[in-house]
Amino acid sequence: MATVTLTIPDETKAELKKFYWVNWSLTASSLFKMRSIFEKYMHKEKLSKEDFEFCKLINWHPVDELPLKKEYIQEMLKIEKMPHKKTTLNDLDRLMNLK
């Protein structure tokens, strides 16, 4: 496996040291992998089985990075203005046909 060395400000290094339990190499590697998958997705390239497995492993999908569509936001704002009530567990059971 190759090694990459990054130069970061002293303040950033001090902040990173506070999180001594974090494997920063793994974190950076995962972020680079996410970026690579996102770029493939945006260029409509086919994602590999390994790409999908990685996404599933970290519970992420490239579409998560896209801005919400205006239509969706408008619909959510409309719903937000509608009357609401607290839902009980019994209400949920009825909605899901569990009772």
C-alpha atoms as a PDB file:
ATOM      1  CA  MET A   1       0.000   0.000   0.000  1.00  0.00           C
ATOM      2  CA  ALA A   2       1.285   3.468  -0.855  1.00  0.00           C
ATOM      3  CA  THR A   3       1.885   6.236   1.663  1.00  0.00           C
ATOM      4  CA  VAL A   4       0.816   9.845   1.198  1.00  0.00           C
ATOM      5  CA  THR A   5       2.093  12.620   3.459  1.00  0.00           C
ATOM      6  CA  LEU A   6       0.020  15.759   3.889  1.00  0.00           C
ATOM      7  CA  THR A   7       1.135  19.076   5.300  1.00  0.00           C
ATOM      8  CA  ILE A   8      -1.395  20.608   7.676  1.00  0.00           C
ATOM      9  CA  PRO A   9      -1.305  23.684   9.921  1.00  0.00           C
ATOM     10  CA  ASP A  10      -0.028  23.180  13.482  1.00  0.00           C
ATOM     11  CA  GLU A  11      -3.459  24.142  14.850  1.00  0.00           C
ATOM     12  CA  THR A  12      -5.094  21.381  12.810  1.00  0.00           C
ATOM     13  CA  LYS A  13      -2.552  18.843  14.034  1.00  0.00           C
ATOM     14  CA  ALA A  14      -3.263  19.880  17.625  1.00  0.00           C
ATOM     15  CA  GLU A  15      -7.005  19.420  17.020  1.00  0.00           C
ATOM     16  CA  LEU A  16      -6.462  15.994  15.447  1.00  0.00           C
ATOM     17  CA  LYS A  17      -4.423  14.864  18.455  1.00  0.00           C
ATOM     18  CA  LYS A  18      -7.480  15.438  20.660  1.00  0.00           C
ATOM     19  CA  PHE A  19      -9.148  12.546  18.836  1.00  0.00           C
ATOM     20  CA  TYR A  20      -6.398  10.018  19.515  1.00  0.00           C
ATOM     21  CA  TRP A  21      -8.749   7.058  18.958  1.00  0.00           C
ATOM     22  CA  VAL A  22      -9.519   8.052  15.350  1.00  0.00           C
ATOM     23  CA  ASN A  23      -7.617   6.252  12.607  1.00  0.00           C
ATOM     24  CA  TRP A  24      -6.988   9.312  10.429  1.00  0.00           C
ATOM     25  CA  SER A  25      -5.457   7.254   7.613  1.00  0.00           C
ATOM     26  CA  LEU A  26      -8.626   5.183   7.361  1.00  0.00           C
ATOM     27  CA  THR A  27     -10.784   8.311   7.624  1.00  0.00           C
ATOM     28  CA  ALA A  28      -8.912  10.071   4.813  1.00  0.00           C
ATOM     29  CA  SER A  29      -8.889   6.936   2.688  1.00  0.00           C
ATOM     30  CA  SER A  30     -12.668   6.560   3.100  1.00  0.00           C
ATOM     31  CA  LEU A  31     -13.261  10.192   2.163  1.00  0.00           C
ATOM     32  CA  PHE A  32     -11.147   9.818  -0.977  1.00  0.00           C
ATOM     33  CA  LYS A  33     -13.102   6.669  -1.872  1.00  0.00           C
ATOM     34  CA  MET A  34     -16.384   8.538  -1.350  1.00  0.00           C
ATOM     35  CA  ARG A  35     -15.169  11.356  -3.585  1.00  0.00           C
ATOM     36  CA  SER A  36     -14.154   8.888  -6.283  1.00  0.00           C
ATOM     37  CA  ILE A  37     -17.558   7.169  -6.164  1.00  0.00           C
ATOM     38  CA  PHE A  38     -19.323  10.533  -6.232  1.00  0.00           C
ATOM     39  CA  GLU A  39     -17.355  11.613  -9.313  1.00  0.00           C
ATOM     40  CA  LYS A  40     -18.254   8.356 -11.095  1.00  0.00           C
ATOM     41  CA  TYR A  41     -21.898   8.853 -10.168  1.00  0.00           C
ATOM     42  CA  MET A  42     -21.929  12.454 -11.424  1.00  0.00           C
ATOM     43  CA  HIS A  43     -20.324  11.420 -14.730  1.00  0.00           C
ATOM     44  CA  LYS A  44     -22.908   8.631 -15.085  1.00  0.00           C
ATOM     45  CA  GLU A  45     -20.223   5.961 -14.968  1.00  0.00           C
ATOM     46  CA  LYS A  46     -21.158   2.508 -13.776  1.00  0.00           C
ATOM     47  CA  LEU A  47     -20.381   1.896 -10.119  1.00  0.00           C
ATOM     48  CA  SER A  48     -18.640  -1.366  -9.340  1.00  0.00           C
ATOM     49  CA  LYS A  49     -19.882  -4.025  -6.968  1.00  0.00           C
ATOM     50  CA  GLU A  50     -17.114  -2.944  -4.582  1.00  0.00           C
ATOM     51  CA  ASP A  51     -18.343   0.660  -4.791  1.00  0.00           C
ATOM     52  CA  PHE A  52     -21.862  -0.436  -3.831  1.00  0.00           C
ATOM     53  CA  GLU A  53     -20.522  -2.598  -0.999  1.00  0.00           C
ATOM     54  CA  PHE A  54     -18.506   0.339   0.329  1.00  0.00           C
ATOM     55  CA  CYS A  55     -21.582   2.594   0.170  1.00  0.00           C
ATOM     56  CA  LYS A  56     -23.655   0.015   2.011  1.00  0.00           C
ATOM     57  CA  LEU A  57     -20.943  -0.466   4.630  1.00  0.00           C
ATOM     58  CA  ILE A  58     -20.890   3.233   5.524  1.00  0.00           C
ATOM     59  CA  ASN A  59     -24.637   3.771   4.938  1.00  0.00           C
ATOM     60  CA  TRP A  60     -24.028   6.389   2.256  1.00  0.00           C
ATOM     61  CA  HIS A  61     -24.984   6.953  -1.377  1.00  0.00           C
ATOM     62  CA  PRO A  62     -23.647   9.607  -3.778  1.00  0.00           C
ATOM     63  CA  VAL A  63     -27.138  11.037  -4.162  1.00  0.00           C
ATOM     64  CA  ASP A  64     -26.886  12.055  -0.485  1.00  0.00           C
ATOM     65  CA  GLU A  65     -24.468  14.785  -1.564  1.00  0.00           C
ATOM     66  CA  LEU A  66     -26.820  16.381  -4.076  1.00  0.00           C
ATOM     67  CA  PRO A  67     -28.944  19.391  -3.149  1.00  0.00           C
ATOM     68  CA  LEU A  68     -32.644  18.787  -2.593  1.00  0.00           C
ATOM     69  CA  LYS A  69     -34.875  19.496  -5.567  1.00  0.00           C
ATOM     70  CA  LYS A  70     -36.996  22.641  -5.293  1.00  0.00           C
ATOM     71  CA  GLU A  71     -40.173  20.611  -5.851  1.00  0.00           C
ATOM     72  CA  TYR A  72     -39.338  18.386  -2.905  1.00  0.00           C
ATOM     73  CA  ILE A  73     -38.613  21.353  -0.640  1.00  0.00           C
ATOM     74  CA  GLN A  74     -41.893  23.010  -1.649  1.00  0.00           C
ATOM     75  CA  GLU A  75     -43.804  19.800  -0.941  1.00  0.00           C
ATOM     76  CA  MET A  76     -42.189  19.445   2.489  1.00  0.00           C
ATOM     77  CA  LEU A  77     -42.979  23.070   3.337  1.00  0.00           C
ATOM     78  CA  LYS A  78     -46.596  22.468   2.335  1.00  0.00           C
ATOM     79  CA  ILE A  79     -46.791  19.391   4.535  1.00  0.00           C
ATOM     80  CA  GLU A  80     -45.164  21.272   7.404  1.00  0.00           C
ATOM     81  CA  LYS A  81     -47.993  23.833   7.353  1.00  0.00           C
ATOM     82  CA  MET A  82     -50.667  21.140   7.580  1.00  0.00           C
ATOM     83  CA  PRO A  83     -52.196  20.249  10.942  1.00  0.00           C
ATOM     84  CA  HIS A  84     -50.159  17.770  12.963  1.00  0.00           C
ATOM     85  CA  LYS A  85     -50.714  15.710  16.063  1.00  0.00           C
ATOM     86  CA  LYS A  86     -48.509  13.530  18.188  1.00  0.00           C
ATOM     87  CA  THR A  87     -48.516   9.955  16.996  1.00  0.00           C
ATOM     88  CA  THR A  88     -48.749   7.152  19.505  1.00  0.00           C
ATOM     89  CA  LEU A  89     -47.335   3.669  19.108  1.00  0.00           C
ATOM     90  CA  ASN A  90     -50.879   2.391  18.643  1.00  0.00           C
ATOM     91  CA  ASP A  91     -51.392   4.899  15.802  1.00  0.00           C
ATOM     92  CA  LEU A  92     -48.239   3.634  14.112  1.00  0.00           C
ATOM     93  CA  ASP A  93     -49.304   0.026  14.574  1.00  0.00           C
ATOM     94  CA  ARG A  94     -52.633   0.797  12.904  1.00  0.00           C
ATOM     95  CA  LEU A  95     -50.938   2.655  10.035  1.00  0.00           C
ATOM     96  CA  MET A  96     -48.634  -0.291   9.468  1.00  0.00           C
ATOM     97  CA  ASN A  97     -51.477  -2.805   9.803  1.00  0.00           C
ATOM     98  CA  LEU A  98     -49.823  -4.430  12.782  1.00  0.00           C
ATOM     99  CA  LYS A  99     -52.978  -4.278  14.907  1.00  0.00           C
END
